[in-house]
Amino acid sequence: MLFLYLPAYGGIPEPEEADFYRSKGTLLIAPDSIYQSPEFWKDPDHMNAFGSAALSAWLAAEIAQDEERN
């Protein structure tokens, strides 16, 4: 099972319940290169098209890697 954490810009690096999610499956947290890049954000809670594309590419690779493991 995969869990995806999507924080707001400048939000906490992982959810408070991270240990719970990890006990049930894999917790996916995008790399700082995506979340800490101001040019990827429209406002504090929404990515722009460039950020969405970067996050989607990263997420697709993570899902494919998970499918290969299982």
PDB file of N, CA and C in Angstrom:
ATOM      1  N   MET A   1       0.844  -1.165   0.000  1.00  0.00           N
ATOM      2  CA  MET A   1       0.000   0.000   0.000  1.00  0.00           C
ATOM      3  C   MET A   1       0.894   1.235   0.000  1.00  0.00           C
ATOM      4  N   LEU A   2       0.522   2.224  -0.790  1.00  0.00           N
ATOM      5  CA  LEU A   2       1.268   3.473  -0.880  1.00  0.00           C
ATOM      6  C   LEU A   2       0.452   4.610  -0.278  1.00  0.00           C
ATOM      7  N   PHE A   3       1.129   5.464   0.457  1.00  0.00           N
ATOM      8  CA  PHE A   3       0.527   6.678   0.995  1.00  0.00           C
ATOM      9  C   PHE A   3       1.331   7.857   0.473  1.00  0.00           C
ATOM     10  N   LEU A   4       0.651   8.867  -0.058  1.00  0.00           N
ATOM     11  CA  LEU A   4       1.316  10.049  -0.601  1.00  0.00           C
ATOM     12  C   LEU A   4       1.051  11.231   0.314  1.00  0.00           C
ATOM     13  N   TYR A   5       2.124  11.856   0.779  1.00  0.00           N
ATOM     14  CA  TYR A   5       2.012  13.052   1.621  1.00  0.00           C
ATOM     15  C   TYR A   5       2.238  14.277   0.756  1.00  0.00           C
ATOM     16  N   LEU A   6       1.282  15.194   0.767  1.00  0.00           N
ATOM     17  CA  LEU A   6       1.356  16.422  -0.027  1.00  0.00           C
ATOM     18  C   LEU A   6       1.268  17.636   0.901  1.00  0.00           C
ATOM     19  N   PRO A   7       2.394  18.119   1.401  1.00  0.00           N
ATOM     20  CA  PRO A   7       2.362  19.278   2.293  1.00  0.00           C
ATOM     21  C   PRO A   7       2.204  20.581   1.525  1.00  0.00           C
ATOM     22  N   ALA A   8       1.819  21.612   2.234  1.00  0.00           N
ATOM     23  CA  ALA A   8       1.815  22.953   1.665  1.00  0.00           C
ATOM     24  C   ALA A   8       3.259  23.438   1.546  1.00  0.00           C
ATOM     25  N   TYR A   9       3.495  24.452   0.740  1.00  0.00           N
ATOM     26  CA  TYR A   9       4.840  24.995   0.600  1.00  0.00           C
ATOM     27  C   TYR A   9       5.340  25.447   1.965  1.00  0.00           C
ATOM     28  N   GLY A  10       6.528  24.988   2.328  1.00  0.00           N
ATOM     29  CA  GLY A  10       7.091  25.348   3.626  1.00  0.00           C
ATOM     30  C   GLY A  10       6.482  24.590   4.788  1.00  0.00           C
ATOM     31  N   GLY A  11       5.642  23.583   4.475  1.00  0.00           N
ATOM     32  CA  GLY A  11       4.991  22.799   5.519  1.00  0.00           C
ATOM     33  C   GLY A  11       5.960  21.837   6.185  1.00  0.00           C
ATOM     34  N   ILE A  12       5.432  21.082   7.134  1.00  0.00           N
ATOM     35  CA  ILE A  12       6.285  20.128   7.840  1.00  0.00           C
ATOM     36  C   ILE A  12       6.769  19.063   6.865  1.00  0.00           C
ATOM     37  N   PRO A  13       8.001  18.574   7.027  1.00  0.00           N
ATOM     38  CA  PRO A  13       8.599  17.659   6.057  1.00  0.00           C
ATOM     39  C   PRO A  13       7.924  16.299   5.952  1.00  0.00           C
ATOM     40  N   GLU A  14       7.248  15.868   7.002  1.00  0.00           N
ATOM     41  CA  GLU A  14       6.489  14.618   6.915  1.00  0.00           C
ATOM     42  C   GLU A  14       5.319  14.703   7.885  1.00  0.00           C
ATOM     43  N   PRO A  15       4.270  13.921   7.634  1.00  0.00           N
ATOM     44  CA  PRO A  15       3.082  14.021   8.479  1.00  0.00           C
ATOM     45  C   PRO A  15       3.359  13.555   9.907  1.00  0.00           C
ATOM     46  N   GLU A  16       2.585  14.090  10.828  1.00  0.00           N
ATOM     47  CA  GLU A  16       2.722  13.699  12.233  1.00  0.00           C
ATOM     48  C   GLU A  16       2.480  12.205  12.406  1.00  0.00           C
ATOM     49  N   GLU A  17       1.657  11.617  11.557  1.00  0.00           N
ATOM     50  CA  GLU A  17       1.314  10.195  11.640  1.00  0.00           C
ATOM     51  C   GLU A  17       2.229   9.320  10.778  1.00  0.00           C
ATOM     52  N   ALA A  18       3.415   9.792  10.450  1.00  0.00           N
ATOM     53  CA  ALA A  18       4.320   9.084   9.532  1.00  0.00           C
ATOM     54  C   ALA A  18       4.583   7.648   9.977  1.00  0.00           C
ATOM     55  N   ASP A  19       4.805   7.434  11.252  1.00  0.00           N
ATOM     56  CA  ASP A  19       5.085   6.073  11.732  1.00  0.00           C
ATOM     57  C   ASP A  19       3.895   5.148  11.493  1.00  0.00           C
ATOM     58  N   PHE A  20       2.689   5.661  11.677  1.00  0.00           N
ATOM     59  CA  PHE A  20       1.494   4.853  11.423  1.00  0.00           C
ATOM     60  C   PHE A  20       1.427   4.448   9.954  1.00  0.00           C
ATOM     61  N   TYR A  21       1.597   5.420   9.051  1.00  0.00           N
ATOM     62  CA  TYR A  21       1.551   5.117   7.619  1.00  0.00           C
ATOM     63  C   TYR A  21       2.628   4.117   7.229  1.00  0.00           C
ATOM     64  N   ARG A  22       3.823   4.292   7.746  1.00  0.00           N
ATOM     65  CA  ARG A  22       4.915   3.375   7.424  1.00  0.00           C
ATOM     66  C   ARG A  22       4.651   1.964   7.962  1.00  0.00           C
ATOM     67  N   SER A  23       3.904   1.873   9.049  1.00  0.00           N
ATOM     68  CA  SER A  23       3.582   0.540   9.584  1.00  0.00           C
ATOM     69  C   SER A  23       2.572  -0.188   8.693  1.00  0.00           C
ATOM     70  N   LYS A  24       1.847   0.554   7.864  1.00  0.00           N
ATOM     71  CA  LYS A  24       0.829  -0.028   6.988  1.00  0.00           C
ATOM     72  C   LYS A  24       1.286  -0.166   5.541  1.00  0.00           C
ATOM     73  N   GLY A  25       2.345   0.543   5.160  1.00  0.00           N
ATOM     74  CA  GLY A  25       2.796   0.498   3.772  1.00  0.00           C
ATOM     75  C   GLY A  25       3.963   1.439   3.553  1.00  0.00           C
ATOM     76  N   THR A  26       4.064   1.968   2.349  1.00  0.00           N
ATOM     77  CA  THR A  26       5.141   2.876   1.973  1.00  0.00           C
ATOM     78  C   THR A  26       4.632   4.302   1.969  1.00  0.00           C
ATOM     79  N   LEU A  27       5.329   5.169   2.683  1.00  0.00           N
ATOM     80  CA  LEU A  27       4.985   6.586   2.711  1.00  0.00           C
ATOM     81  C   LEU A  27       5.816   7.303   1.665  1.00  0.00           C
ATOM     82  N   LEU A  28       5.160   7.891   0.694  1.00  0.00           N
ATOM     83  CA  LEU A  28       5.845   8.630  -0.368  1.00  0.00           C
ATOM     84  C   LEU A  28       5.878  10.111  -0.017  1.00  0.00           C
ATOM     85  N   ILE A  29       7.075  10.662   0.013  1.00  0.00           N
ATOM     86  CA  ILE A  29       7.269  12.088   0.252  1.00  0.00           C
ATOM     87  C   ILE A  29       8.188  12.580  -0.862  1.00  0.00           C
ATOM     88  N   ALA A  30       7.698  13.508  -1.647  1.00  0.00           N
ATOM     89  CA  ALA A  30       8.481  14.001  -2.785  1.00  0.00           C
ATOM     90  C   ALA A  30       9.781  14.637  -2.301  1.00  0.00           C
ATOM     91  N   PRO A  31      10.799  14.614  -3.138  1.00  0.00           N
ATOM     92  CA  PRO A  31      12.093  15.187  -2.746  1.00  0.00           C
ATOM     93  C   PRO A  31      12.025  16.703  -2.575  1.00  0.00           C
ATOM     94  N   ASP A  32      12.961  17.216  -1.781  1.00  0.00           N
ATOM     95  CA  ASP A  32      13.028  18.658  -1.544  1.00  0.00           C
ATOM     96  C   ASP A  32      13.171  19.454  -2.837  1.00  0.00           C
ATOM     97  N   SER A  33      13.776  18.848  -3.852  1.00  0.00           N
ATOM     98  CA  SER A  33      13.952  19.569  -5.117  1.00  0.00           C
ATOM     99  C   SER A  33      12.612  19.978  -5.722  1.00  0.00           C
ATOM    100  N   ILE A  34      11.550  19.306  -5.352  1.00  0.00           N
ATOM    101  CA  ILE A  34      10.209  19.673  -5.811  1.00  0.00           C
ATOM    102  C   ILE A  34       9.540  20.600  -4.803  1.00  0.00           C
ATOM    103  N   TYR A  35       9.494  20.175  -3.549  1.00  0.00           N
ATOM    104  CA  TYR A  35       8.735  20.940  -2.550  1.00  0.00           C
ATOM    105  C   TYR A  35       9.393  22.231  -2.101  1.00  0.00           C
ATOM    106  N   GLN A  36      10.681  22.332  -2.194  1.00  0.00           N
ATOM    107  CA  GLN A  36      11.357  23.538  -1.723  1.00  0.00           C
ATOM    108  C   GLN A  36      11.738  24.491  -2.857  1.00  0.00           C
ATOM    109  N   SER A  37      11.144  24.312  -4.024  1.00  0.00           N
ATOM    110  CA  SER A  37      11.436  25.176  -5.174  1.00  0.00           C
ATOM    111  C   SER A  37      10.298  26.171  -5.367  1.00  0.00           C
ATOM    112  N   PRO A  38      10.506  27.432  -4.997  1.00  0.00           N
ATOM    113  CA  PRO A  38       9.443  28.431  -5.117  1.00  0.00           C
ATOM    114  C   PRO A  38       8.882  28.557  -6.533  1.00  0.00           C
ATOM    115  N   GLU A  39       9.707  28.270  -7.550  1.00  0.00           N
ATOM    116  CA  GLU A  39       9.227  28.403  -8.926  1.00  0.00           C
ATOM    117  C   GLU A  39       8.182  27.352  -9.290  1.00  0.00           C
ATOM    118  N   PHE A  40       7.975  26.356  -8.427  1.00  0.00           N
ATOM    119  CA  PHE A  40       6.973  25.314  -8.670  1.00  0.00           C
ATOM    120  C   PHE A  40       5.634  25.600  -7.989  1.00  0.00           C
ATOM    121  N   TRP A  41       5.531  26.720  -7.301  1.00  0.00           N
ATOM    122  CA  TRP A  41       4.324  26.986  -6.513  1.00  0.00           C
ATOM    123  C   TRP A  41       3.541  28.182  -7.037  1.00  0.00           C
ATOM    124  N   LYS A  42       2.206  28.011  -7.070  1.00  0.00           N
ATOM    125  CA  LYS A  42       1.311  29.108  -7.429  1.00  0.00           C
ATOM    126  C   LYS A  42       1.036  29.955  -6.192  1.00  0.00           C
ATOM    127  N   ASP A  43       0.789  29.274  -5.066  1.00  0.00           N
ATOM    128  CA  ASP A  43       0.573  29.904  -3.765  1.00  0.00           C
ATOM    129  C   ASP A  43       0.959  28.872  -2.705  1.00  0.00           C
ATOM    130  N   PRO A  44       0.863  29.185  -1.421  1.00  0.00           N
ATOM    131  CA  PRO A  44       1.340  28.241  -0.396  1.00  0.00           C
ATOM    132  C   PRO A  44       0.671  26.863  -0.396  1.00  0.00           C
ATOM    133  N   ASP A  45      -0.483  26.740  -0.996  1.00  0.00           N
ATOM    134  CA  ASP A  45      -1.195  25.464  -0.981  1.00  0.00           C
ATOM    135  C   ASP A  45      -1.344  24.791  -2.336  1.00  0.00           C
ATOM    136  N   HIS A  46      -0.860  25.431  -3.411  1.00  0.00           N
ATOM    137  CA  HIS A  46      -1.065  24.883  -4.748  1.00  0.00           C
ATOM    138  C   HIS A  46       0.185  25.013  -5.606  1.00  0.00           C
ATOM    139  N   MET A  47       0.502  23.943  -6.310  1.00  0.00           N
ATOM    140  CA  MET A  47       1.603  23.981  -7.263  1.00  0.00           C
ATOM    141  C   MET A  47       1.124  24.593  -8.580  1.00  0.00           C
ATOM    142  N   ASN A  48       2.070  25.132  -9.331  1.00  0.00           N
ATOM    143  CA  ASN A  48       1.729  25.604 -10.667  1.00  0.00           C
ATOM    144  C   ASN A  48       1.924  24.445 -11.655  1.00  0.00           C
ATOM    145  N   ALA A  49       1.796  24.713 -12.946  1.00  0.00           N
ATOM    146  CA  ALA A  49       1.895  23.651 -13.951  1.00  0.00           C
ATOM    147  C   ALA A  49       3.270  22.983 -13.935  1.00  0.00           C
ATOM    148  N   PHE A  50       4.336  23.752 -13.702  1.00  0.00           N
ATOM    149  CA  PHE A  50       5.685  23.179 -13.668  1.00  0.00           C
ATOM    150  C   PHE A  50       5.854  22.267 -12.450  1.00  0.00           C
ATOM    151  N   GLY A  51       5.345  22.713 -11.318  1.00  0.00           N
ATOM    152  CA  GLY A  51       5.419  21.892 -10.115  1.00  0.00           C
ATOM    153  C   GLY A  51       4.589  20.629 -10.237  1.00  0.00           C
ATOM    154  N   SER A  52       3.405  20.759 -10.809  1.00  0.00           N
ATOM    155  CA  SER A  52       2.548  19.590 -11.003  1.00  0.00           C
ATOM    156  C   SER A  52       3.200  18.575 -11.937  1.00  0.00           C
ATOM    157  N   ALA A  53       3.845  19.060 -12.986  1.00  0.00           N
ATOM    158  CA  ALA A  53       4.523  18.156 -13.924  1.00  0.00           C
ATOM    159  C   ALA A  53       5.690  17.448 -13.242  1.00  0.00           C
ATOM    160  N   ALA A  54       6.455  18.180 -12.448  1.00  0.00           N
ATOM    161  CA  ALA A  54       7.590  17.573 -11.741  1.00  0.00           C
ATOM    162  C   ALA A  54       7.105  16.545 -10.727  1.00  0.00           C
ATOM    163  N   LEU A  55       6.077  16.887  -9.979  1.00  0.00           N
ATOM    164  CA  LEU A  55       5.532  15.959  -8.988  1.00  0.00           C
ATOM    165  C   LEU A  55       4.941  14.729  -9.668  1.00  0.00           C
ATOM    166  N   SER A  56       4.229  14.908 -10.764  1.00  0.00           N
ATOM    167  CA  SER A  56       3.628  13.776 -11.488  1.00  0.00           C
ATOM    168  C   SER A  56       4.688  12.827 -12.027  1.00  0.00           C
ATOM    169  N   ALA A  57       5.767  13.373 -12.581  1.00  0.00           N
ATOM    170  CA  ALA A  57       6.847  12.526 -13.100  1.00  0.00           C
ATOM    171  C   ALA A  57       7.496  11.730 -11.968  1.00  0.00           C
ATOM    172  N   TRP A  58       7.769  12.386 -10.849  1.00  0.00           N
ATOM    173  CA  TRP A  58       8.358  11.697  -9.698  1.00  0.00           C
ATOM    174  C   TRP A  58       7.412  10.604  -9.196  1.00  0.00           C
ATOM    175  N   LEU A  59       6.114  10.929  -9.062  1.00  0.00           N
ATOM    176  CA  LEU A  59       5.138   9.973  -8.549  1.00  0.00           C
ATOM    177  C   LEU A  59       4.991   8.771  -9.487  1.00  0.00           C
ATOM    178  N   ALA A  60       4.962   9.010 -10.781  1.00  0.00           N
ATOM    179  CA  ALA A  60       4.873   7.903 -11.748  1.00  0.00           C
ATOM    180  C   ALA A  60       6.055   6.953 -11.600  1.00  0.00           C
ATOM    181  N   ALA A  61       7.242   7.504 -11.419  1.00  0.00           N
ATOM    182  CA  ALA A  61       8.435   6.662 -11.241  1.00  0.00           C
ATOM    183  C   ALA A  61       8.353   5.870  -9.944  1.00  0.00           C
ATOM    184  N   GLU A  62       7.850   6.482  -8.883  1.00  0.00           N
ATOM    185  CA  GLU A  62       7.709   5.781  -7.603  1.00  0.00           C
ATOM    186  C   GLU A  62       6.690   4.634  -7.701  1.00  0.00           C
ATOM    187  N   ILE A  63       5.586   4.883  -8.385  1.00  0.00           N
ATOM    188  CA  ILE A  63       4.566   3.842  -8.544  1.00  0.00           C
ATOM    189  C   ILE A  63       5.123   2.698  -9.389  1.00  0.00           C
ATOM    190  N   ALA A  64       5.818   3.015 -10.457  1.00  0.00           N
ATOM    191  CA  ALA A  64       6.407   1.969 -11.305  1.00  0.00           C
ATOM    192  C   ALA A  64       7.430   1.152 -10.512  1.00  0.00           C
ATOM    193  N   GLN A  65       8.223   1.817  -9.717  1.00  0.00           N
ATOM    194  CA  GLN A  65       9.218   1.111  -8.901  1.00  0.00           C
ATOM    195  C   GLN A  65       8.531   0.197  -7.881  1.00  0.00           C
ATOM    196  N   ASP A  66       7.434   0.655  -7.294  1.00  0.00           N
ATOM    197  CA  ASP A  66       6.683  -0.174  -6.343  1.00  0.00           C
ATOM    198  C   ASP A  66       6.097  -1.390  -7.031  1.00  0.00           C
ATOM    199  N   GLU A  67       5.583  -1.222  -8.251  1.00  0.00           N
ATOM    200  CA  GLU A  67       5.015  -2.347  -8.993  1.00  0.00           C
ATOM    201  C   GLU A  67       6.088  -3.375  -9.336  1.00  0.00           C
ATOM    202  N   GLU A  68       7.307  -2.916  -9.626  1.00  0.00           N
ATOM    203  CA  GLU A  68       8.401  -3.855  -9.913  1.00  0.00           C
ATOM    204  C   GLU A  68       8.766  -4.680  -8.683  1.00  0.00           C
ATOM    205  N   ARG A  69       8.685  -4.078  -7.506  1.00  0.00           N
ATOM    206  CA  ARG A  69       9.018  -4.786  -6.267  1.00  0.00           C
ATOM    207  C   ARG A  69       7.964  -5.820  -5.912  1.00  0.00           C
ATOM    208  N   ASN A  70       6.744  -5.590  -6.333  1.00  0.00           N
ATOM    209  CA  ASN A  70       5.650  -6.503  -5.941  1.00  0.00           C
ATOM    210  C   ASN A  70       5.288  -7.405  -7.044  1.00  0.00           C
TER     211      ASN A  70
END
